[in-house]
Amino acid sequence: MSQRTASVERNTLETQIRVALDLDGTGTSKLETGLPFLDHMLDQVARHGLIDLEVEARGDLHIDAHHTVEDIGITVGQALARAWADKKGVRRYGHAYVPLDEALSRVVVDLSGRPGLEMFVEFTRARIGDFDVDLFHEFFQGLVNHAMITVHLDNLRGRNAHHQAETLFKAFGRALRMAVEPDERMADTTPSTKGTLSD
């Protein structure tokens, strides 16, 4: 399988984002989003997905974090789509259950070529530190729209909002890792009866 890396820049009047990633990395990350809790969550994706991930973002945080979080999701999604290219030889599907103390989340990923997000999470509070939990949906919506994947995120139980969020991001990393993993039995075959995962 060829090298699966990508680097993407997104510059608008609201944000300036740079993302670089390696799907076959070791889980290292370099994260400078201006949002410490989001950095913490992206680090979970990198570590548990074994994806080397760099994200540098400058945004209109003096207004609020919405544009920055959404645009980071968009740019990460674009980088993923470039890195896995035609998706030949991958498993396509991935899933993970991840616990953290009282919290438990399940994430299922399909590299379907179609954007779809089903997110069922009832956070126990509206903010984690200074971070608005509504923005997690914006991050994942931007990501799936531009990575062209289907993702189901379910928090099955949890009392601590930090634990709820962390289990979601860890499980997303693990599920993504499984989905992009090379499948020797598929070799250079696209895992679809249509013969393509691009639409």
Protein backbone atom coordinates (compact mmCIF):
# COMPACT_ATOMS: atom_id res chain seq x y z
CA MET A 1 0.00 0.00 0.00
CA SER A 2 1.43 3.39 -0.98
CA GLN A 3 2.24 6.09 1.53
CA ARG A 4 -0.99 7.45 3.02
CA THR A 5 -0.23 11.01 4.00
CA ALA A 6 -1.81 14.38 3.31
CA SER A 7 -1.38 18.05 4.09
CA VAL A 8 -4.22 20.55 3.67
CA GLU A 9 -4.55 24.28 4.27
CA ARG A 10 -7.84 26.12 4.60
CA ASN A 11 -7.84 29.91 4.73
CA THR A 12 -10.96 32.03 5.10
CA LEU A 13 -11.76 35.42 6.62
CA GLU A 14 -12.71 33.56 9.81
CA THR A 15 -9.99 30.93 10.15
CA GLN A 16 -6.59 29.81 8.95
CA ILE A 17 -6.11 26.06 9.37
CA ARG A 18 -3.29 23.69 8.47
CA VAL A 19 -3.62 19.92 8.92
CA ALA A 20 -1.04 17.25 8.16
CA LEU A 21 -1.55 13.56 8.87
CA ASP A 22 -0.15 10.10 8.29
CA LEU A 23 -2.62 7.20 8.50
CA ASP A 24 0.24 4.77 9.12
CA GLY A 25 1.91 6.71 11.89
CA THR A 26 2.69 5.99 15.52
CA GLY A 27 0.11 8.23 17.19
CA THR A 28 2.17 11.38 17.63
CA SER A 29 0.50 14.76 17.53
CA LYS A 30 1.33 18.44 17.38
CA LEU A 31 -1.78 20.48 18.12
CA GLU A 32 -2.15 24.25 18.33
CA THR A 33 -5.81 25.13 17.90
CA GLY A 34 -6.14 27.79 20.58
CA LEU A 35 -8.67 25.49 22.26
CA PRO A 36 -6.92 23.32 24.87
CA PHE A 37 -9.79 20.88 25.36
CA LEU A 38 -10.10 20.30 21.61
CA ASP A 39 -6.34 19.70 21.49
CA HIS A 40 -6.82 17.08 24.22
CA MET A 41 -9.57 15.36 22.19
CA LEU A 42 -7.61 15.41 18.92
CA ASP A 43 -4.66 13.90 20.76
CA GLN A 44 -6.94 10.97 21.69
CA VAL A 45 -7.76 10.40 18.00
CA ALA A 46 -4.07 10.44 17.08
CA ARG A 47 -2.92 8.17 19.91
CA HIS A 48 -5.68 5.60 19.69
CA GLY A 49 -5.92 5.74 15.90
CA LEU A 50 -2.13 5.48 15.46
CA ILE A 51 -2.40 8.50 13.19
CA ASP A 52 0.35 11.12 13.19
CA LEU A 53 -1.59 14.38 13.31
CA GLU A 54 -0.62 18.03 13.14
CA VAL A 55 -3.23 20.75 13.43
CA GLU A 56 -2.41 24.45 13.50
CA ALA A 57 -5.36 26.82 13.67
CA ARG A 58 -5.94 30.52 14.02
CA GLY A 59 -9.54 31.63 14.26
CA ASP A 60 -11.92 34.35 15.41
CA LEU A 61 -11.98 33.07 18.98
CA HIS A 62 -12.78 36.59 20.17
CA ILE A 63 -16.29 35.93 18.77
CA ASP A 64 -16.58 32.30 19.84
CA ALA A 65 -15.09 28.91 18.97
CA HIS A 66 -17.73 27.82 16.44
CA HIS A 67 -15.94 28.74 13.20
CA THR A 68 -12.61 27.38 14.40
CA VAL A 69 -13.97 24.02 15.55
CA GLU A 70 -16.11 23.51 12.45
CA ASP A 71 -13.27 24.47 10.08
CA ILE A 72 -10.84 22.16 11.87
CA GLY A 73 -13.34 19.34 11.31
CA ILE A 74 -13.63 20.27 7.63
CA THR A 75 -9.85 20.39 7.14
CA VAL A 76 -9.21 17.12 8.99
CA GLY A 77 -11.90 15.53 6.81
CA GLN A 78 -10.26 16.84 3.64
CA ALA A 79 -6.88 15.51 4.77
CA LEU A 80 -8.32 12.07 5.52
CA ALA A 81 -9.95 11.92 2.09
CA ARG A 82 -6.66 12.76 0.37
CA ALA A 83 -4.64 10.34 2.49
CA TRP A 84 -6.70 7.23 1.77
CA ALA A 85 -7.29 8.12 -1.89
CA ASP A 86 -9.28 5.30 -3.58
CA LYS A 87 -9.40 3.18 -0.37
CA LYS A 88 -8.24 0.04 -2.14
CA GLY A 89 -7.18 -2.77 0.16
CA VAL A 90 -8.69 -1.34 3.37
CA ARG A 91 -11.17 -2.97 5.72
CA ARG A 92 -13.66 -0.12 5.13
CA TYR A 93 -15.64 -0.72 8.35
CA GLY A 94 -14.45 -0.03 11.87
CA HIS A 95 -16.03 -0.03 15.31
CA ALA A 96 -14.97 0.46 18.90
CA TYR A 97 -16.38 0.48 22.41
CA VAL A 98 -14.36 2.57 24.85
CA PRO A 99 -14.98 2.96 28.59
CA LEU A 100 -13.60 5.57 30.97
CA ASP A 101 -14.70 4.99 34.53
CA GLU A 102 -18.50 5.33 34.47
CA ALA A 103 -18.69 6.45 30.81
CA LEU A 104 -19.01 4.16 27.79
CA SER A 105 -19.18 5.14 24.13
CA ARG A 106 -19.52 3.25 20.86
CA VAL A 107 -18.37 4.54 17.47
CA VAL A 108 -18.90 2.86 14.10
CA VAL A 109 -17.20 4.09 10.91
CA ASP A 110 -17.88 3.26 7.26
CA LEU A 111 -15.60 4.66 4.57
CA SER A 112 -18.68 4.69 2.40
CA GLY A 113 -18.04 7.61 0.07
CA ARG A 114 -21.24 9.16 1.42
CA PRO A 115 -21.34 11.70 4.25
CA GLY A 116 -23.52 10.69 7.16
CA LEU A 117 -23.44 11.55 10.85
CA GLU A 118 -25.64 9.99 13.52
CA MET A 119 -24.66 11.37 16.91
CA PHE A 120 -26.60 10.44 20.02
CA VAL A 121 -24.93 12.06 23.00
CA GLU A 122 -26.66 13.73 25.95
CA PHE A 123 -23.88 15.57 27.71
CA THR A 124 -24.48 16.04 31.41
CA ARG A 125 -23.44 19.68 31.24
CA ALA A 126 -23.24 22.36 28.55
CA ARG A 127 -19.57 23.23 28.94
CA ILE A 128 -16.38 21.36 29.74
CA GLY A 129 -14.21 24.10 31.15
CA ASP A 130 -14.60 26.85 28.57
CA PHE A 131 -15.54 24.46 25.75
CA ASP A 132 -19.16 24.40 24.50
CA VAL A 133 -20.15 20.74 24.03
CA ASP A 134 -22.48 21.67 21.13
CA LEU A 135 -19.32 22.21 19.07
CA PHE A 136 -18.47 18.50 19.07
CA HIS A 137 -21.36 17.98 16.63
CA GLU A 138 -20.03 20.78 14.42
CA PHE A 139 -16.58 19.19 14.40
CA PHE A 140 -17.82 15.75 13.39
CA GLN A 141 -20.32 17.14 10.86
CA GLY A 142 -17.57 19.05 9.12
CA LEU A 143 -15.32 16.00 9.20
CA VAL A 144 -17.80 13.50 7.74
CA ASN A 145 -19.00 15.95 5.07
CA HIS A 146 -15.48 16.34 3.69
CA ALA A 147 -14.05 12.90 4.40
CA MET A 148 -17.18 11.44 2.76
CA ILE A 149 -17.69 8.81 5.45
CA THR A 150 -20.54 7.59 7.62
CA VAL A 151 -20.03 7.80 11.38
CA HIS A 152 -22.31 6.72 14.22
CA LEU A 153 -21.37 8.10 17.64
CA ASP A 154 -23.26 6.88 20.70
CA ASN A 155 -22.56 7.66 24.32
CA LEU A 156 -24.19 4.70 26.02
CA ARG A 157 -23.74 5.98 29.56
CA GLY A 158 -21.86 8.58 31.51
CA ARG A 159 -22.19 11.11 34.32
CA ASN A 160 -19.01 13.13 33.77
CA ALA A 161 -19.07 15.23 30.58
CA HIS A 162 -15.28 15.10 30.24
CA HIS A 163 -15.42 11.31 30.35
CA GLN A 164 -18.28 11.26 27.83
CA ALA A 165 -16.31 13.36 25.35
CA GLU A 166 -13.06 11.50 25.86
CA THR A 167 -14.63 8.09 25.27
CA LEU A 168 -16.18 9.39 22.03
CA PHE A 169 -12.89 10.66 20.63
CA LYS A 170 -10.92 7.61 21.75
CA ALA A 171 -13.51 5.32 20.19
CA PHE A 172 -13.51 7.36 16.99
CA GLY A 173 -9.73 6.97 16.77
CA ARG A 174 -9.93 3.21 17.34
CA ALA A 175 -12.79 2.74 14.85
CA LEU A 176 -11.01 4.83 12.21
CA ARG A 177 -7.83 2.82 12.75
CA MET A 178 -9.73 -0.40 12.10
CA ALA A 179 -11.48 0.97 9.00
CA VAL A 180 -8.30 2.18 7.30
CA GLU A 181 -6.26 -0.87 8.26
CA PRO A 182 -4.91 -2.77 5.25
CA ASP A 183 -6.69 -6.08 4.64
CA GLU A 184 -4.32 -8.51 2.94
CA ARG A 185 -7.22 -10.58 1.63
CA MET A 186 -8.60 -7.53 -0.18
CA ALA A 187 -5.19 -6.69 -1.73
CA ASP A 188 -5.88 -4.06 -4.41
CA THR A 189 -9.63 -4.58 -4.32
CA THR A 190 -12.10 -1.87 -3.36
CA PRO A 191 -14.39 -3.24 -0.61
CA SER A 192 -17.64 -2.43 -2.40
CA THR A 193 -19.91 -4.31 -4.82
CA LYS A 194 -20.07 -1.06 -6.81
CA GLY A 195 -16.31 -1.20 -7.31
CA THR A 196 -15.86 2.30 -5.87
CA LEU A 197 -16.11 4.13 -2.55
CA SER A 198 -15.96 7.59 -4.06
CA ASP A 199 -19.71 8.20 -4.44
